């Protein structure tokens, strides 16, 4: 359960949970999806 103050006006999302979701999405990807073969290839830096 979230407090009403954690929500933005008419939006349904909680700021704290949305911030955590966005942070997870920004993590660098360590593999490349190859498409046809359906495999993930590691990325070497």
C-alpha atoms as a PDB file:
ATOM      1  CA  UNK A   1       0.000   0.000   0.000  1.00  0.00           C
ATOM      2  CA  UNK A   2       1.255   3.503  -0.844  1.00  0.00           C
ATOM      3  CA  UNK A   3       0.452   6.865   0.685  1.00  0.00           C
ATOM      4  CA  UNK A   4      -1.463   9.285  -1.524  1.00  0.00           C
ATOM      5  CA  UNK A   5       1.419  11.792  -1.404  1.00  0.00           C
ATOM      6  CA  UNK A   6       3.608   9.279  -3.275  1.00  0.00           C
ATOM      7  CA  UNK A   7       1.419   9.607  -6.373  1.00  0.00           C
ATOM      8  CA  UNK A   8       1.528  12.351  -9.005  1.00  0.00           C
ATOM      9  CA  UNK A   9      -1.804  14.186  -9.298  1.00  0.00           C
ATOM     10  CA  UNK A  10      -4.026  12.191 -11.703  1.00  0.00           C
ATOM     11  CA  UNK A  11      -1.397   9.564 -12.547  1.00  0.00           C
ATOM     12  CA  UNK A  12      -1.741   6.035 -11.208  1.00  0.00           C
ATOM     13  CA  UNK A  13       1.963   5.340 -10.739  1.00  0.00           C
ATOM     14  CA  UNK A  14       3.857   5.799  -7.503  1.00  0.00           C
ATOM     15  CA  UNK A  15       6.915   8.048  -7.930  1.00  0.00           C
ATOM     16  CA  UNK A  16       9.184   5.801  -5.867  1.00  0.00           C
ATOM     17  CA  UNK A  17       8.257   2.601  -7.740  1.00  0.00           C
ATOM     18  CA  UNK A  18       8.452   4.384 -11.089  1.00  0.00           C
ATOM     19  CA  UNK A  19      11.939   5.710 -10.247  1.00  0.00           C
ATOM     20  CA  UNK A  20      13.077   2.174  -9.368  1.00  0.00           C
ATOM     21  CA  UNK A  21      11.615   0.822 -12.603  1.00  0.00           C
ATOM     22  CA  UNK A  22      13.397   3.484 -14.666  1.00  0.00           C
ATOM     23  CA  UNK A  23      16.696   2.794 -12.881  1.00  0.00           C
ATOM     24  CA  UNK A  24      16.465  -0.914 -13.729  1.00  0.00           C
ATOM     25  CA  UNK A  25      15.755  -0.095 -17.379  1.00  0.00           C
ATOM     26  CA  UNK A  26      18.871   2.119 -17.572  1.00  0.00           C
ATOM     27  CA  UNK A  27      21.284  -0.661 -16.556  1.00  0.00           C
ATOM     28  CA  UNK A  28      23.741  -1.388 -19.386  1.00  0.00           C
ATOM     29  CA  UNK A  29      22.969  -4.484 -21.395  1.00  0.00           C
ATOM     30  CA  UNK A  30      25.731  -7.091 -21.264  1.00  0.00           C
ATOM     31  CA  UNK A  31      24.503  -9.126 -24.220  1.00  0.00           C
ATOM     32  CA  UNK A  32      23.202  -8.617 -27.748  1.00  0.00           C
ATOM     33  CA  UNK A  33      20.149 -10.491 -29.024  1.00  0.00           C
ATOM     34  CA  UNK A  34      21.019 -11.994 -32.408  1.00  0.00           C
ATOM     35  CA  UNK A  35      17.469 -12.239 -33.743  1.00  0.00           C
ATOM     36  CA  UNK A  36      17.166 -15.216 -36.111  1.00  0.00           C
ATOM     37  CA  UNK A  37      19.110 -17.672 -33.972  1.00  0.00           C
ATOM     38  CA  UNK A  38      17.401 -16.466 -30.796  1.00  0.00           C
ATOM     39  CA  UNK A  39      20.708 -16.422 -28.920  1.00  0.00           C
ATOM     40  CA  UNK A  40      22.292 -13.823 -26.691  1.00  0.00           C
ATOM     41  CA  UNK A  41      25.915 -12.973 -27.411  1.00  0.00           C
ATOM     42  CA  UNK A  42      28.074 -11.472 -24.649  1.00  0.00           C
ATOM     43  CA  UNK A  43      29.443  -7.987 -25.224  1.00  0.00           C
ATOM     44  CA  UNK A  44      33.165  -7.628 -24.566  1.00  0.00           C
ATOM     45  CA  UNK A  45      34.440  -4.207 -23.586  1.00  0.00           C
END
